[in-house]
PDB file of N, CA and C in Angstrom:
ATOM      1  N   MET A   1      -5.653  -6.906   9.418  1.00  0.00           N
ATOM      2  CA  MET A   1      -5.766  -7.995   8.839  1.00  0.00           C
ATOM      3  C   MET A   1      -5.678  -7.184   7.279  1.00  0.00           C
ATOM      4  N   ARG A   2      -5.963  -5.891   6.760  1.00  0.00           N
ATOM      5  CA  ARG A   2      -5.456  -5.299   5.642  1.00  0.00           C
ATOM      6  C   ARG A   2      -4.362  -5.033   5.645  1.00  0.00           C
ATOM      7  N   SER A   3      -3.875  -4.688   6.585  1.00  0.00           N
ATOM      8  CA  SER A   3      -2.178  -4.185   6.877  1.00  0.00           C
ATOM      9  C   SER A   3      -1.559  -5.378   6.222  1.00  0.00           C
ATOM     10  N   LYS A   4      -1.785  -6.479   7.181  1.00  0.00           N
ATOM     11  CA  LYS A   4      -1.128  -7.569   6.848  1.00  0.00           C
ATOM     12  C   LYS A   4      -1.179  -8.140   5.545  1.00  0.00           C
ATOM     13  N   VAL A   5      -2.609  -7.860   4.604  1.00  0.00           N
ATOM     14  CA  VAL A   5      -2.291  -8.707   3.369  1.00  0.00           C
ATOM     15  C   VAL A   5      -1.988  -7.296   2.478  1.00  0.00           C
ATOM     16  N   THR A   6      -1.712  -6.291   2.815  1.00  0.00           N
ATOM     17  CA  THR A   6      -0.840  -5.084   1.941  1.00  0.00           C
ATOM     18  C   THR A   6       0.358  -5.551   2.314  1.00  0.00           C
ATOM     19  N   GLY A   7       0.936  -6.101   3.291  1.00  0.00           N
ATOM     20  CA  GLY A   7       2.233  -6.055   3.441  1.00  0.00           C
ATOM     21  C   GLY A   7       2.783  -7.322   2.876  1.00  0.00           C
ATOM     22  N   VAL A   8       2.410  -8.137   2.479  1.00  0.00           N
ATOM     23  CA  VAL A   8       2.407  -9.534   2.102  1.00  0.00           C
ATOM     24  C   VAL A   8       2.320  -9.262   0.474  1.00  0.00           C
ATOM     25  N   LEU A   9       0.912  -8.466  -0.176  1.00  0.00           N
ATOM     26  CA  LEU A   9       1.626  -7.868  -1.396  1.00  0.00           C
ATOM     27  C   LEU A   9       2.720  -7.211  -1.815  1.00  0.00           C
ATOM     28  N   ALA A  10       3.296  -6.326  -0.779  1.00  0.00           N
ATOM     29  CA  ALA A  10       4.868  -5.633  -0.964  1.00  0.00           C
ATOM     30  C   ALA A  10       5.912  -6.166  -0.863  1.00  0.00           C
ATOM     31  N   ALA A  11       5.842  -7.394  -0.243  1.00  0.00           N
ATOM     32  CA  ALA A  11       6.634  -8.240  -0.321  1.00  0.00           C
ATOM     33  C   ALA A  11       6.775  -9.426  -1.339  1.00  0.00           C
ATOM     34  N   VAL A  12       5.685  -9.720  -2.033  1.00  0.00           N
ATOM     35  CA  VAL A  12       6.006 -10.001  -3.503  1.00  0.00           C
ATOM     36  C   VAL A  12       6.439  -9.707  -4.349  1.00  0.00           C
ATOM     37  N   ALA A  13       5.831  -8.159  -4.386  1.00  0.00           N
ATOM     38  CA  ALA A  13       6.402  -7.299  -5.713  1.00  0.00           C
ATOM     39  C   ALA A  13       7.837  -6.829  -5.452  1.00  0.00           C
ATOM     40  N   CYS A  14       8.277  -6.866  -4.130  1.00  0.00           N
ATOM     41  CA  CYS A  14       9.739  -7.042  -4.015  1.00  0.00           C
ATOM     42  C   CYS A  14      10.213  -8.153  -4.268  1.00  0.00           C
ATOM     43  N   ALA A  15      10.072  -9.550  -4.321  1.00  0.00           N
ATOM     44  CA  ALA A  15      10.560 -10.607  -4.513  1.00  0.00           C
ATOM     45  C   ALA A  15      10.684 -10.602  -6.302  1.00  0.00           C
ATOM     46  N   ALA A  16       9.186 -10.255  -6.519  1.00  0.00           N
ATOM     47  CA  ALA A  16       9.253 -10.160  -8.006  1.00  0.00           C
ATOM     48  C   ALA A  16      10.273  -9.403  -9.041  1.00  0.00           C
ATOM     49  N   CYS A  17      10.644  -8.409  -7.894  1.00  0.00           N
ATOM     50  CA  CYS A  17      11.917  -7.742  -8.849  1.00  0.00           C
ATOM     51  C   CYS A  17      13.129  -8.292  -8.300  1.00  0.00           C
ATOM     52  N   CYS A  18      13.186  -8.829  -7.831  1.00  0.00           N
ATOM     53  CA  CYS A  18      14.615 -10.032  -7.123  1.00  0.00           C
ATOM     54  C   CYS A  18      14.878 -10.726  -8.163  1.00  0.00           C
ATOM     55  N   ALA A  19      13.652 -11.284  -8.810  1.00  0.00           N
ATOM     56  CA  ALA A  19      13.622 -12.718  -9.995  1.00  0.00           C
ATOM     57  C   ALA A  19      13.898 -12.175 -10.976  1.00  0.00           C
ATOM     58  N   LEU A  20      13.683 -10.470 -11.509  1.00  0.00           N
ATOM     59  CA  LEU A  20      14.345 -10.168 -13.149  1.00  0.00           C
ATOM     60  C   LEU A  20      15.225 -10.561 -13.676  1.00  0.00           C
ATOM     61  N   PRO A  21      16.355 -10.280 -12.797  1.00  0.00           N
ATOM     62  CA  PRO A  21      17.663 -11.389 -13.255  1.00  0.00           C
ATOM     63  C   PRO A  21      17.634 -12.686 -14.299  1.00  0.00           C
ATOM     64  N   LEU A  22      16.666 -13.329 -13.179  1.00  0.00           N
ATOM     65  CA  LEU A  22      16.280 -14.673 -13.604  1.00  0.00           C
ATOM     66  C   LEU A  22      15.897 -14.952 -14.645  1.00  0.00           C
ATOM     67  N   LEU A  23      14.735 -13.892 -15.122  1.00  0.00           N
ATOM     68  CA  LEU A  23      13.939 -14.099 -16.187  1.00  0.00           C
ATOM     69  C   LEU A  23      14.358 -13.415 -17.258  1.00  0.00           C
ATOM     70  N   ILE A  24      15.385 -12.545 -16.885  1.00  0.00           N
ATOM     71  CA  ILE A  24      15.910 -12.245 -18.144  1.00  0.00           C
ATOM     72  C   ILE A  24      17.093 -13.557 -18.552  1.00  0.00           C
ATOM     73  N   ALA A  25      17.683 -13.932 -17.662  1.00  0.00           N
ATOM     74  CA  ALA A  25      18.511 -15.543 -18.395  1.00  0.00           C
ATOM     75  C   ALA A  25      17.977 -16.384 -18.841  1.00  0.00           C
ATOM     76  N   ALA A  26      16.713 -16.384 -18.729  1.00  0.00           N
ATOM     77  CA  ALA A  26      15.856 -17.335 -18.809  1.00  0.00           C
ATOM     78  C   ALA A  26      15.533 -17.218 -20.325  1.00  0.00           C
ATOM     79  N   GLY A  27      15.531 -15.831 -20.923  1.00  0.00           N
ATOM     80  CA  GLY A  27      14.909 -15.607 -22.131  1.00  0.00           C
ATOM     81  C   GLY A  27      13.448 -14.902 -21.988  1.00  0.00           C
ATOM     82  N   VAL A  28      12.737 -15.065 -20.650  1.00  0.00           N
ATOM     83  CA  VAL A  28      11.453 -14.258 -20.412  1.00  0.00           C
ATOM     84  C   VAL A  28      11.293 -12.978 -21.069  1.00  0.00           C
ATOM     85  N   LEU A  29      12.191 -12.273 -20.569  1.00  0.00           N
ATOM     86  CA  LEU A  29      12.079 -10.719 -20.785  1.00  0.00           C
ATOM     87  C   LEU A  29      13.788 -10.181 -21.379  1.00  0.00           C
ATOM     88  N   THR A  30      13.477  -9.202 -22.075  1.00  0.00           N
ATOM     89  CA  THR A  30      14.617  -8.553 -22.600  1.00  0.00           C
ATOM     90  C   THR A  30      15.224  -7.654 -21.522  1.00  0.00           C
ATOM     91  N   ILE A  31      16.128  -7.175 -21.629  1.00  0.00           N
ATOM     92  CA  ILE A  31      16.424  -5.813 -20.685  1.00  0.00           C
ATOM     93  C   ILE A  31      15.794  -4.910 -20.977  1.00  0.00           C
ATOM     94  N   ALA A  32      14.921  -4.567 -21.843  1.00  0.00           N
ATOM     95  CA  ALA A  32      14.485  -3.160 -21.888  1.00  0.00           C
ATOM     96  C   ALA A  32      13.158  -3.289 -21.000  1.00  0.00           C
ATOM     97  N   GLY A  33      12.360  -4.379 -21.340  1.00  0.00           N
ATOM     98  CA  GLY A  33      11.372  -4.945 -20.761  1.00  0.00           C
ATOM     99  C   GLY A  33      11.598  -5.094 -19.248  1.00  0.00           C
ATOM    100  N   ALA A  34      12.953  -5.435 -18.658  1.00  0.00           N
ATOM    101  CA  ALA A  34      13.209  -5.862 -17.120  1.00  0.00           C
ATOM    102  C   ALA A  34      13.218  -4.350 -16.624  1.00  0.00           C
ATOM    103  N   ALA A  35      13.662  -3.436 -17.354  1.00  0.00           N
ATOM    104  CA  ALA A  35      14.004  -1.836 -17.151  1.00  0.00           C
ATOM    105  C   ALA A  35      12.694  -1.309 -16.421  1.00  0.00           C
ATOM    106  N   VAL A  36      11.890  -1.644 -17.741  1.00  0.00           N
ATOM    107  CA  VAL A  36      10.611  -0.963 -17.072  1.00  0.00           C
ATOM    108  C   VAL A  36       9.962  -1.700 -16.224  1.00  0.00           C
ATOM    109  N   ALA A  37       9.741  -3.301 -15.948  1.00  0.00           N
ATOM    110  CA  ALA A  37       8.997  -3.681 -15.014  1.00  0.00           C
ATOM    111  C   ALA A  37      10.012  -3.459 -13.628  1.00  0.00           C
ATOM    112  N   GLN A  38      11.432  -3.380 -13.591  1.00  0.00           N
ATOM    113  CA  GLN A  38      11.669  -2.904 -12.366  1.00  0.00           C
ATOM    114  C   GLN A  38      11.132  -1.588 -11.788  1.00  0.00           C
ATOM    115  N   LYS A  39      11.385  -0.925 -12.312  1.00  0.00           N
ATOM    116  CA  LYS A  39      10.565   0.557 -12.005  1.00  0.00           C
ATOM    117  C   LYS A  39       9.604   0.496 -11.674  1.00  0.00           C
ATOM    118  N   THR A  40       8.342  -0.078 -11.896  1.00  0.00           N
ATOM    119  CA  THR A  40       7.246  -0.465 -12.027  1.00  0.00           C
ATOM    120  C   THR A  40       6.985  -1.288 -10.607  1.00  0.00           C
ATOM    121  N   LEU A  41       8.083  -2.282 -10.555  1.00  0.00           N
ATOM    122  CA  LEU A  41       7.733  -2.876  -8.989  1.00  0.00           C
ATOM    123  C   LEU A  41       8.202  -2.167  -8.424  1.00  0.00           C
ATOM    124  N   LEU A  42       9.189  -1.621  -8.295  1.00  0.00           N
ATOM    125  CA  LEU A  42       9.875  -0.798  -7.146  1.00  0.00           C
ATOM    126  C   LEU A  42       8.810   0.009  -6.692  1.00  0.00           C
ATOM    127  N   ALA A  43       7.827   0.797  -7.825  1.00  0.00           N
ATOM    128  CA  ALA A  43       6.920   1.715  -7.431  1.00  0.00           C
ATOM    129  C   ALA A  43       5.937   1.276  -6.621  1.00  0.00           C
ATOM    130  N   VAL A  44       5.425   0.044  -7.300  1.00  0.00           N
ATOM    131  CA  VAL A  44       4.327  -0.666  -6.350  1.00  0.00           C
ATOM    132  C   VAL A  44       4.699  -1.123  -4.917  1.00  0.00           C
ATOM    133  N   SER A  45       5.810  -1.817  -5.008  1.00  0.00           N
ATOM    134  CA  SER A  45       6.431  -2.349  -3.804  1.00  0.00           C
ATOM    135  C   SER A  45       6.196  -1.040  -2.587  1.00  0.00           C
ATOM    136  N   ALA A  46       7.019  -0.061  -2.992  1.00  0.00           N
ATOM    137  CA  ALA A  46       7.331   1.187  -1.767  1.00  0.00           C
ATOM    138  C   ALA A  46       5.656   1.867  -1.645  1.00  0.00           C
ATOM    139  N   GLY A  47       4.912   1.808  -2.559  1.00  0.00           N
ATOM    140  CA  GLY A  47       3.003   2.274  -2.271  1.00  0.00           C
ATOM    141  C   GLY A  47       2.584   1.413  -1.648  1.00  0.00           C
ATOM    142  N   LEU A  48       2.993   0.089  -1.878  1.00  0.00           N
ATOM    143  CA  LEU A  48       2.501  -0.910  -0.671  1.00  0.00           C
ATOM    144  C   LEU A  48       2.743  -0.638   0.849  1.00  0.00           C
ATOM    145  N   ALA A  49       3.854  -0.662   0.409  1.00  0.00           N
ATOM    146  CA  ALA A  49       4.613  -0.445   2.078  1.00  0.00           C
ATOM    147  C   ALA A  49       4.257   0.378   2.822  1.00  0.00           C
ATOM    148  N   VAL A  50       3.834   1.605   2.083  1.00  0.00           N
ATOM    149  CA  VAL A  50       3.615   2.888   2.711  1.00  0.00           C
ATOM    150  C   VAL A  50       2.390   2.499   3.183  1.00  0.00           C
ATOM    151  N   ALA A  51       1.130   2.017   2.117  1.00  0.00           N
ATOM    152  CA  ALA A  51      -0.129   1.661   2.893  1.00  0.00           C
ATOM    153  C   ALA A  51      -0.189   0.963   3.749  1.00  0.00           C
ATOM    154  N   ALA A  52       0.726  -0.217   3.707  1.00  0.00           N
ATOM    155  CA  ALA A  52       0.544  -1.283   5.040  1.00  0.00           C
ATOM    156  C   ALA A  52       0.993  -0.439   6.085  1.00  0.00           C
ATOM    157  N   LEU A  53       2.151   0.165   6.076  1.00  0.00           N
ATOM    158  CA  LEU A  53       2.457   1.302   7.502  1.00  0.00           C
ATOM    159  C   LEU A  53       1.341   1.994   7.954  1.00  0.00           C
ATOM    160  N   THR A  54       0.874   2.565   7.072  1.00  0.00           N
ATOM    161  CA  THR A  54      -0.358   3.736   7.084  1.00  0.00           C
ATOM    162  C   THR A  54      -1.412   2.889   7.838  1.00  0.00           C
ATOM    163  N   MET A  55      -1.786   1.593   7.439  1.00  0.00           N
ATOM    164  CA  MET A  55      -3.070   1.185   7.979  1.00  0.00           C
ATOM    165  C   MET A  55      -2.557   0.332   9.237  1.00  0.00           C
ATOM    166  N   TRP A  56      -1.592   0.108   9.400  1.00  0.00           N
ATOM    167  CA  TRP A  56      -1.077  -0.447  10.794  1.00  0.00           C
ATOM    168  C   TRP A  56      -1.226   1.082  11.836  1.00  0.00           C
ATOM    169  N   TRP A  57      -1.000   1.891  11.235  1.00  0.00           N
ATOM    170  CA  TRP A  57      -0.696   3.015  12.329  1.00  0.00           C
ATOM    171  C   TRP A  57      -1.714   3.576  12.737  1.00  0.00           C
ATOM    172  N   LEU A  58      -3.240   3.320  11.757  1.00  0.00           N
ATOM    173  CA  LEU A  58      -4.388   4.049  11.859  1.00  0.00           C
ATOM    174  C   LEU A  58      -5.148   2.735  13.022  1.00  0.00           C
ATOM    175  N   HIS A  59      -4.827   1.414  12.517  1.00  0.00           N
ATOM    176  CA  HIS A  59      -5.116   0.760  13.445  1.00  0.00           C
ATOM    177  C   HIS A  59      -4.721   0.357  15.094  1.00  0.00           C
ATOM    178  N   ARG A  60      -3.279   0.912  15.347  1.00  0.00           N
ATOM    179  CA  ARG A  60      -2.860   1.039  16.432  1.00  0.00           C
ATOM    180  C   ARG A  60      -3.410   2.300  17.141  1.00  0.00           C
ATOM    181  N   ARG A  61      -3.738   3.151  16.394  1.00  0.00           N
ATOM    182  CA  ARG A  61      -3.872   4.506  17.015  1.00  0.00           C
ATOM    183  C   ARG A  61      -5.435   4.212  17.570  1.00  0.00           C
ATOM    184  N   ARG A  62      -6.398   3.722  16.773  1.00  0.00           N
ATOM    185  CA  ARG A  62      -7.540   3.525  16.853  1.00  0.00           C
ATOM    186  C   ARG A  62      -7.942   2.526  18.397  1.00  0.00           C
ATOM    187  N   THR A  63      -7.085   1.419  18.548  1.00  0.00           N
ATOM    188  CA  THR A  63      -7.324   0.431  19.298  1.00  0.00           C
ATOM    189  C   THR A  63      -6.546   0.660  20.889  1.00  0.00           C
ATOM    190  N   ALA A  64      -5.975   1.876  21.017  1.00  0.00           N
ATOM    191  CA  ALA A  64      -4.887   2.500  22.137  1.00  0.00           C
ATOM    192  C   ALA A  64      -5.711   2.750  23.391  1.00  0.00           C
ATOM    193  N   PRO A  65      -5.288   2.423  24.413  1.00  0.00           N
ATOM    194  CA  PRO A  65      -6.381   2.497  25.626  1.00  0.00           C
ATOM    195  C   PRO A  65      -6.289   3.931  25.831  1.00  0.00           C
ATOM    196  N   ALA A  66      -7.559   4.564  26.321  1.00  0.00           N
ATOM    197  CA  ALA A  66      -7.591   5.894  26.631  1.00  0.00           C
ATOM    198  C   ALA A  66      -6.680   6.205  28.006  1.00  0.00           C
ATOM    199  N   PRO A  67      -6.537   7.173  28.101  1.00  0.00           N
ATOM    200  CA  PRO A  67      -5.472   7.785  29.186  1.00  0.00           C
ATOM    201  C   PRO A  67      -6.534   7.471  30.227  1.00  0.00           C
ATOM    202  N   THR A  68      -5.624   7.199  31.502  1.00  0.00           N
ATOM    203  CA  THR A  68      -6.901   7.517  32.860  1.00  0.00           C
ATOM    204  C   THR A  68      -6.430   8.816  33.442  1.00  0.00           C
ATOM    205  N   CYS A  69      -7.658   9.129  34.241  1.00  0.00           N
ATOM    206  CA  CYS A  69      -7.307  10.509  34.772  1.00  0.00           C
ATOM    207  C   CYS A  69      -7.941  10.448  36.291  1.00  0.00           C
ATOM    208  N   GLY A  70      -7.577  10.689  37.241  1.00  0.00           N
ATOM    209  CA  GLY A  70      -7.826  11.103  38.557  1.00  0.00           C
ATOM    210  C   GLY A  70      -6.982  11.343  39.453  1.00  0.00           C
ATOM    211  N   CYS A  71      -7.254  11.103  40.546  1.00  0.00           N
ATOM    212  CA  CYS A  71      -6.390  11.825  42.165  1.00  0.00           C
ATOM    213  C   CYS A  71      -5.962  10.186  42.860  1.00  0.00           C
ATOM    214  N   GLY A  72      -4.847  10.280  42.493  1.00  0.00           N
ATOM    215  CA  GLY A  72      -3.916   9.196  43.461  1.00  0.00           C
ATOM    216  C   GLY A  72      -3.240   9.563  44.949  1.00  0.00           C
ATOM    217  N   GLY A  73      -2.201   9.157  44.871  1.00  0.00           N
ATOM    218  CA  GLY A  73      -1.360   9.624  46.302  1.00  0.00           C
ATOM    219  C   GLY A  73      -0.274  10.655  45.824  1.00  0.00           C
ATOM    220  N   SER A  74      -0.195  10.998  44.435  1.00  0.00           N
ATOM    221  CA  SER A  74       0.986  11.857  44.347  1.00  0.00           C
ATOM    222  C   SER A  74       0.140  13.195  43.433  1.00  0.00           C
ATOM    223  N   GLY A  75      -1.004  12.962  43.875  1.00  0.00           N
ATOM    224  CA  GLY A  75      -1.816  14.474  43.335  1.00  0.00           C
ATOM    225  C   GLY A  75      -2.813  14.046  42.145  1.00  0.00           C
ATOM    226  N   CYS A  76      -3.737  15.378  41.375  1.00  0.00           N
ATOM    227  CA  CYS A  76      -4.585  14.844  40.344  1.00  0.00           C
ATOM    228  C   CYS A  76      -3.756  15.055  39.105  1.00  0.00           C
ATOM    229  N   GLY A  77      -4.286  14.407  38.212  1.00  0.00           N
ATOM    230  CA  GLY A  77      -3.662  14.862  36.862  1.00  0.00           C
ATOM    231  C   GLY A  77      -4.185  13.796  35.901  1.00  0.00           C
ATOM    232  N   CYS A  78      -3.788  13.936  34.886  1.00  0.00           N
ATOM    233  CA  CYS A  78      -4.159  12.883  33.307  1.00  0.00           C
ATOM    234  C   CYS A  78      -2.764  13.015  33.008  1.00  0.00           C
TER     235      CYS A  78
END
């Protein structure tokens, strides 16, 4: 669940970054303010994406089935 929330937050940060040209055109942001916001949003988005992937990987690692060991028709091994 945490990885999904983090992934959604990364997508929102990315969408906000894509909306910067519209905010400049509307007069909400200056070009200098948009440059700072863009760098910040890109860094936040990348960090959240890495966090989401790490949490997903850890979850998959914890819930992976244990390998089965034993002897079968082709011999013994794990």
